[in-house]
Amino acid sequence: MSLSRRSPRTAILVRTGVVAVALVALAGCSTVAAEPAASPSTDAAVSIENCGYPVTFESAPQKVVAIKSTSVEMMLALGVGDRIVGTAFTDGPVPEKWADEESAPELSAFMPNEESVLELEPDVVYSGWESAFAADAAGTREELESLGVASYVQPAACRSTGVLPKLTFDQIFSEIEEAASIFRVDPSELLAEQQATLDAIQPDTRGLTALWYSSGDDIPYVGAGLGAPELILETAGLTNIAADVENTWDSLGWEAIIAADPDVIVLVDASWNTAADKITRLESNPATAELTAVKNKAYVTVPFPAGEAGVRTVDAAASVAEQVAELP
């Protein structure tokens, strides 16, 4: 059963009901999650193929190193933040609604090395980037497995298996369900909340075009046609000027941006590259100062972590839609 932008709210309840029934019915199967988190030591194993790599979780992970904000936020949203023993390479503060649940120490502000990860004796290293699992980073998946440490990559970030498909909310919701099965928790409440927020979004109907401006000065780095930026823009009723670029993010020259002349510019706000800095750059350059969005100050801001697919994507789409609605 599929969830979509226009699905009724009842769809999510039916889908999670099916998931719950399946977990109970297949409790004895070695490849499917069984009981919720009440007794993780007796759970049936969960076996999945993650980014083309087979992984088996014999029981619910209790000690997790979470790399990147998307993995941290997924665990907080599922109510298992207390199982995080260390975080690394996060992209910014977590949303306020989960801030009180975050208590794990920061292992590293950047990509951690294998030694520092293993010092925490985790059951699992859970990463929002596949590149975390390299010899010069947290360790290869094979090496970690040989040491008794499982690995899991956020499915939306899997690149080793080829070009990523265009992101949909179905994929995000399926990822929530998969993570919930690994941690042996019920995702019903979270999924229902996500679907309700999605259903309440009122997309703009003015036919506005938009640039998702992430970073870069000489050559801007923008949200392209396959990832979370595209999904957020579409959901908010905006047409991405880089929609035909088959990537999640990519470089786009100022000449192409000026030619497209977007009606709205979505500015990614990061501590190291703020939305305010981007506005100053846009308004001080004679060429970009003539862009329709710049002349009209049609700016929308999103926090940097919202550019990655995950449990924050629905809220990001709602925020962009609300900000666009306030533009003249």
Protein backbone atom coordinates (compact mmCIF):
# COMPACT_ATOMS: atom_id res chain seq x y z
CA MET A 1 0.00 0.00 0.00
CA SER A 2 1.31 3.42 -0.93
CA LEU A 3 1.36 6.75 0.87
CA SER A 4 1.46 9.87 -1.22
CA ARG A 5 1.02 13.63 -1.16
CA ARG A 6 -2.68 13.29 -1.84
CA SER A 7 -3.39 10.14 0.17
CA PRO A 8 -6.12 10.42 2.80
CA ARG A 9 -4.94 10.30 6.39
CA THR A 10 -6.55 6.90 6.81
CA ALA A 11 -3.94 5.46 4.43
CA ILE A 12 -1.23 5.83 7.02
CA LEU A 13 -3.29 4.07 9.66
CA VAL A 14 -4.00 1.17 7.34
CA ARG A 15 -0.36 0.90 6.32
CA THR A 16 1.01 0.88 9.85
CA GLY A 17 -1.67 -1.58 10.86
CA VAL A 18 -0.47 -3.90 8.14
CA VAL A 19 3.09 -3.48 9.34
CA ALA A 20 2.09 -4.31 12.91
CA VAL A 21 0.22 -7.43 11.84
CA ALA A 22 3.17 -8.53 9.72
CA LEU A 23 5.60 -8.15 12.60
CA VAL A 24 3.48 -10.34 14.84
CA ALA A 25 2.69 -12.92 12.19
CA LEU A 26 6.34 -13.32 11.24
CA ALA A 27 7.76 -13.30 14.73
CA GLY A 28 9.50 -16.62 14.15
CA CYS A 29 11.07 -15.63 10.84
CA SER A 30 14.79 -14.90 10.83
CA THR A 31 14.49 -12.08 8.32
CA VAL A 32 11.73 -9.89 9.77
CA ALA A 33 11.42 -7.86 12.96
CA ALA A 34 9.11 -9.37 15.55
CA GLU A 35 8.26 -7.89 18.96
CA PRO A 36 8.45 -4.20 19.88
CA ALA A 37 11.26 -2.91 22.07
CA ALA A 38 9.97 -4.40 25.34
CA SER A 39 12.29 -7.43 25.19
CA PRO A 40 14.97 -6.81 22.55
CA SER A 41 17.06 -9.80 23.67
CA THR A 42 14.37 -12.20 22.49
CA ASP A 43 13.52 -10.44 19.23
CA ALA A 44 13.83 -12.35 16.00
CA ALA A 45 16.69 -11.16 13.83
CA VAL A 46 16.10 -8.48 11.20
CA SER A 47 17.99 -9.07 7.97
CA ILE A 48 18.05 -6.43 5.23
CA GLU A 49 20.07 -5.41 2.23
CA ASN A 50 21.29 -1.90 2.86
CA CYS A 51 22.98 -0.07 -0.03
CA GLY A 52 23.67 -3.46 -1.55
CA TYR A 53 25.28 -4.73 1.65
CA PRO A 54 23.59 -7.52 3.68
CA VAL A 55 23.12 -6.63 7.34
CA THR A 56 21.54 -8.69 10.13
CA PHE A 57 20.46 -7.18 13.43
CA GLU A 58 20.17 -10.10 15.83
CA SER A 59 18.48 -7.92 18.43
CA ALA A 60 17.47 -4.30 18.89
CA PRO A 61 20.59 -2.10 18.91
CA GLN A 62 21.22 -0.52 22.30
CA LYS A 63 24.46 1.41 21.63
CA VAL A 64 24.56 3.46 18.44
CA VAL A 65 27.06 5.90 16.99
CA ALA A 66 25.01 8.26 14.81
CA ILE A 67 26.83 10.10 12.03
CA LYS A 68 25.07 13.10 10.38
CA SER A 69 21.92 14.85 11.54
CA THR A 70 19.53 12.62 9.62
CA SER A 71 20.46 9.53 11.62
CA VAL A 72 20.36 11.40 14.93
CA GLU A 73 16.97 12.91 14.14
CA MET A 74 15.51 9.59 12.98
CA MET A 75 16.41 8.00 16.29
CA LEU A 76 15.05 10.94 18.29
CA ALA A 77 11.81 10.88 16.32
CA LEU A 78 11.41 7.14 16.94
CA GLY A 79 11.96 7.63 20.65
CA VAL A 80 15.28 5.77 20.84
CA GLY A 81 17.59 8.73 21.31
CA ASP A 82 18.73 7.27 24.63
CA ARG A 83 20.49 4.53 22.66
CA ILE A 84 22.87 7.01 20.98
CA VAL A 85 26.28 6.77 22.64
CA GLY A 86 27.92 9.36 20.41
CA THR A 87 27.19 11.66 17.48
CA ALA A 88 29.46 12.95 14.74
CA PHE A 89 29.47 15.29 11.75
CA THR A 90 26.06 16.76 12.53
CA ASP A 91 24.80 19.62 10.38
CA GLY A 92 23.24 21.85 13.02
CA PRO A 93 20.96 21.79 16.05
CA VAL A 94 18.07 19.34 16.09
CA PRO A 95 14.51 20.72 15.79
CA GLU A 96 13.15 22.18 19.01
CA LYS A 97 10.56 19.41 19.40
CA TRP A 98 13.37 16.85 19.88
CA ALA A 99 15.90 19.06 21.64
CA ASP A 100 15.05 17.77 25.12
CA GLU A 101 15.62 14.18 24.02
CA GLU A 102 19.15 14.76 22.73
CA SER A 103 21.78 13.97 25.34
CA ALA A 104 24.49 11.91 23.62
CA PRO A 105 28.01 13.37 23.59
CA GLU A 106 29.54 14.63 20.38
CA LEU A 107 32.24 12.24 19.24
CA SER A 108 33.51 14.58 16.54
CA ALA A 109 32.40 17.74 14.78
CA PHE A 110 33.61 16.13 11.57
CA MET A 111 33.83 12.59 10.24
CA PRO A 112 35.14 10.36 13.04
CA ASN A 113 37.91 7.81 12.62
CA GLU A 114 37.44 4.12 13.29
CA GLU A 115 39.43 4.14 16.51
CA SER A 116 37.26 6.81 18.11
CA VAL A 117 34.11 4.99 17.02
CA LEU A 118 35.25 1.64 18.42
CA GLU A 119 36.17 3.21 21.75
CA LEU A 120 32.44 3.67 22.36
CA GLU A 121 31.81 -0.06 21.79
CA PRO A 122 28.68 0.46 19.66
CA ASP A 123 26.35 -2.24 18.39
CA VAL A 124 25.73 -0.20 15.25
CA VAL A 125 27.19 2.72 13.36
CA TYR A 126 24.23 4.50 11.72
CA SER A 127 25.18 7.06 9.09
CA GLY A 128 23.36 9.55 6.93
CA TRP A 129 26.21 9.35 4.42
CA GLU A 130 27.54 6.18 2.80
CA SER A 131 31.00 7.76 2.66
CA ALA A 132 31.27 7.39 6.44
CA PHE A 133 32.13 3.75 5.87
CA ALA A 134 35.63 4.14 4.49
CA ALA A 135 39.00 3.11 5.83
CA ASP A 136 39.93 6.75 6.47
CA ALA A 137 36.61 7.47 8.19
CA ALA A 138 34.52 5.35 10.57
CA GLY A 139 35.86 2.14 9.03
CA THR A 140 34.70 -0.04 6.18
CA ARG A 141 31.53 -2.03 6.65
CA GLU A 142 33.46 -5.28 6.33
CA GLU A 143 36.00 -4.24 8.95
CA LEU A 144 33.33 -3.12 11.39
CA GLU A 145 31.37 -6.33 10.87
CA SER A 146 34.49 -8.42 11.57
CA LEU A 147 34.70 -6.61 14.91
CA GLY A 148 31.06 -7.28 15.76
CA VAL A 149 29.75 -3.83 14.84
CA ALA A 150 26.83 -3.59 12.42
CA SER A 151 26.46 -0.70 9.99
CA TYR A 152 23.46 1.04 8.49
CA VAL A 153 23.26 3.79 5.89
CA GLN A 154 20.19 5.94 5.46
CA PRO A 155 18.66 4.40 2.28
CA ALA A 156 18.03 7.79 0.67
CA ALA A 157 21.80 8.36 0.73
CA CYS A 158 22.82 5.10 -0.97
CA ARG A 159 24.92 5.91 -4.01
CA SER A 160 27.05 2.82 -4.51
CA THR A 161 24.12 0.97 -6.08
CA GLY A 162 23.81 3.51 -8.92
CA VAL A 163 21.96 6.74 -9.62
CA LEU A 164 19.43 7.45 -6.90
CA PRO A 165 15.78 7.47 -7.91
CA LYS A 166 13.86 10.70 -7.50
CA LEU A 167 12.96 11.04 -3.84
CA THR A 168 9.34 10.60 -2.78
CA PHE A 169 7.56 10.70 0.54
CA ASP A 170 6.81 7.00 0.09
CA GLN A 171 10.57 6.39 0.28
CA ILE A 172 10.92 8.52 3.40
CA PHE A 173 8.03 6.75 5.12
CA SER A 174 9.42 3.34 4.13
CA GLU A 175 12.75 4.36 5.62
CA ILE A 176 11.02 5.25 8.88
CA GLU A 177 9.41 1.80 8.90
CA GLU A 178 12.72 0.07 8.22
CA ALA A 179 14.51 1.98 10.97
CA ALA A 180 11.65 1.19 13.35
CA SER A 181 11.96 -2.51 12.53
CA ILE A 182 15.68 -2.41 13.32
CA PHE A 183 15.12 -0.73 16.68
CA ARG A 184 11.99 -2.85 17.37
CA VAL A 185 9.67 0.10 17.94
CA ASP A 186 6.26 1.00 16.56
CA PRO A 187 6.41 3.79 13.93
CA SER A 188 2.64 4.32 13.77
CA GLU A 189 2.52 7.54 15.78
CA LEU A 190 5.42 9.13 13.92
CA LEU A 191 4.04 8.13 10.51
CA ALA A 192 0.58 9.44 11.35
CA GLU A 193 2.10 12.75 12.47
CA GLN A 194 4.13 13.00 9.28
CA GLN A 195 1.13 12.23 7.07
CA ALA A 196 -1.08 14.74 8.90
CA THR A 197 1.52 17.48 8.41
CA LEU A 198 1.87 16.55 4.75
CA ASP A 199 -1.88 16.56 4.17
CA ALA A 200 -2.18 20.04 5.72
CA ILE A 201 0.30 21.66 3.32
CA GLN A 202 -1.29 24.12 0.91
CA PRO A 203 0.93 24.32 -2.19
CA ASP A 204 1.25 27.69 -3.89
CA THR A 205 -0.75 27.94 -7.12
CA ARG A 206 0.88 30.99 -8.74
CA GLY A 207 3.29 28.99 -10.90
CA LEU A 208 6.37 30.40 -9.20
CA THR A 209 9.86 29.20 -10.04
CA ALA A 210 12.56 28.78 -7.42
CA LEU A 211 16.28 28.38 -6.87
CA TRP A 212 17.46 26.24 -3.93
CA TYR A 213 20.73 28.03 -3.07
CA SER A 214 22.81 25.89 -0.74
CA SER A 215 26.33 27.33 -0.91
CA GLY A 216 29.05 28.63 -3.19
CA ASP A 217 30.07 32.02 -4.47
CA ASP A 218 31.76 31.76 -7.87
CA ILE A 219 29.74 28.64 -8.72
CA PRO A 220 26.59 28.10 -6.64
CA TYR A 221 25.77 24.66 -5.26
CA VAL A 222 22.04 24.13 -5.62
CA GLY A 223 19.26 21.67 -4.96
CA ALA A 224 18.85 19.63 -8.14
CA GLY A 225 16.11 17.35 -9.44
CA LEU A 226 16.32 14.12 -7.43
CA GLY A 227 16.66 14.83 -3.72
CA ALA A 228 14.98 16.46 -0.75
CA PRO A 229 15.21 20.03 -2.14
CA GLU A 230 13.24 19.01 -5.24
CA LEU A 231 10.62 17.16 -3.17
CA ILE A 232 10.25 20.11 -0.80
CA LEU A 233 9.90 22.62 -3.64
CA GLU A 234 7.36 20.48 -5.50
CA THR A 235 5.31 19.95 -2.36
CA ALA A 236 5.26 23.69 -1.70
CA GLY A 237 4.03 24.33 -5.26
CA LEU A 238 7.29 25.72 -6.64
CA THR A 239 9.07 24.75 -9.87
CA ASN A 240 12.77 24.11 -9.34
CA ILE A 241 14.89 25.83 -12.03
CA ALA A 242 17.38 22.94 -11.66
CA ALA A 243 14.74 20.18 -11.83
CA ASP A 244 16.25 18.71 -14.99
CA VAL A 245 19.63 18.13 -13.32
CA GLU A 246 19.72 14.44 -12.42
CA ASN A 247 21.35 14.71 -9.03
CA THR A 248 20.40 15.55 -5.47
CA TRP A 249 22.63 18.63 -5.42
CA ASP A 250 24.90 20.02 -8.10
CA SER A 251 26.73 23.08 -9.32
CA LEU A 252 24.79 25.55 -11.45
CA GLY A 253 26.46 28.57 -13.01
CA TRP A 254 25.24 32.11 -12.40
CA GLU A 255 24.63 32.48 -16.12
CA ALA A 256 22.04 29.69 -16.02
CA ILE A 257 20.47 31.11 -12.86
CA ILE A 258 20.24 34.60 -14.34
CA ALA A 259 18.71 33.17 -17.53
CA ALA A 260 16.11 31.26 -15.50
CA ASP A 261 15.39 34.35 -13.34
CA PRO A 262 13.65 32.56 -10.44
CA ASP A 263 10.69 34.14 -8.67
CA VAL A 264 11.81 32.78 -5.29
CA ILE A 265 15.19 31.91 -3.80
CA VAL A 266 15.35 29.32 -1.04
CA LEU A 267 18.39 30.10 1.10
CA VAL A 268 20.05 27.36 3.12
CA ASP A 269 21.04 28.73 6.52
CA ALA A 270 24.17 27.25 8.10
CA SER A 271 26.45 28.64 10.78
CA TRP A 272 29.37 28.58 8.31
CA ASN A 273 27.37 30.01 5.40
CA THR A 274 24.35 31.93 6.60
CA ALA A 275 21.27 32.98 4.69
CA ALA A 276 22.12 36.58 5.56
CA ASP A 277 25.54 36.22 3.92
CA LYS A 278 23.93 34.86 0.77
CA ILE A 279 21.47 37.76 0.64
CA THR A 280 24.34 40.24 0.95
CA ARG A 281 26.16 38.47 -1.88
CA LEU A 282 23.09 38.41 -4.11
CA GLU A 283 22.20 42.06 -3.53
CA SER A 284 25.74 43.42 -3.87
CA ASN A 285 26.49 41.78 -7.20
CA PRO A 286 25.11 43.92 -10.06
CA ALA A 287 24.14 40.87 -12.12
CA THR A 288 22.28 38.95 -9.42
CA ALA A 289 20.80 42.14 -7.97
CA GLU A 290 18.60 42.29 -11.07
CA LEU A 291 17.08 38.86 -10.47
CA THR A 292 13.32 39.04 -9.92
CA ALA A 293 13.57 37.24 -6.58
CA VAL A 294 16.31 39.55 -5.36
CA LYS A 295 14.53 42.75 -6.43
CA ASN A 296 11.36 41.53 -4.70
CA LYS A 297 13.29 40.15 -1.70
CA ALA A 298 11.41 36.90 -2.27
CA TYR A 299 13.57 34.89 0.08
CA VAL A 300 12.70 31.69 1.92
CA THR A 301 15.08 30.16 4.46
CA VAL A 302 15.63 26.56 5.53
CA PRO A 303 18.14 25.21 8.07
CA PHE A 304 21.02 23.26 6.56
CA PRO A 305 19.99 19.83 7.96
CA ALA A 306 16.61 20.14 6.22
CA GLY A 307 18.31 19.68 2.87
CA GLU A 308 18.93 15.99 3.58
CA ALA A 309 16.08 13.48 3.20
CA GLY A 310 14.68 12.26 6.50
CA VAL A 311 12.13 12.84 9.22
CA ARG A 312 12.60 16.60 8.85
CA THR A 313 11.56 16.70 5.17
CA VAL A 314 7.81 16.97 5.77
CA ASP A 315 8.25 19.83 8.24
CA ALA A 316 10.65 21.56 5.84
CA ALA A 317 8.08 21.38 3.05
CA ALA A 318 5.42 22.79 5.36
CA SER A 319 7.73 25.63 6.40
CA VAL A 320 8.64 26.53 2.80
CA ALA A 321 4.96 26.51 1.80
CA GLU A 322 4.08 28.80 4.70
CA GLN A 323 6.89 31.24 3.87
CA VAL A 324 5.96 31.30 0.18
CA ALA A 325 2.34 32.02 1.06
CA GLU A 326 3.50 35.17 2.84
CA LEU A 327 5.36 36.47 -0.21
CA PRO A 328 3.52 39.15 -2.23
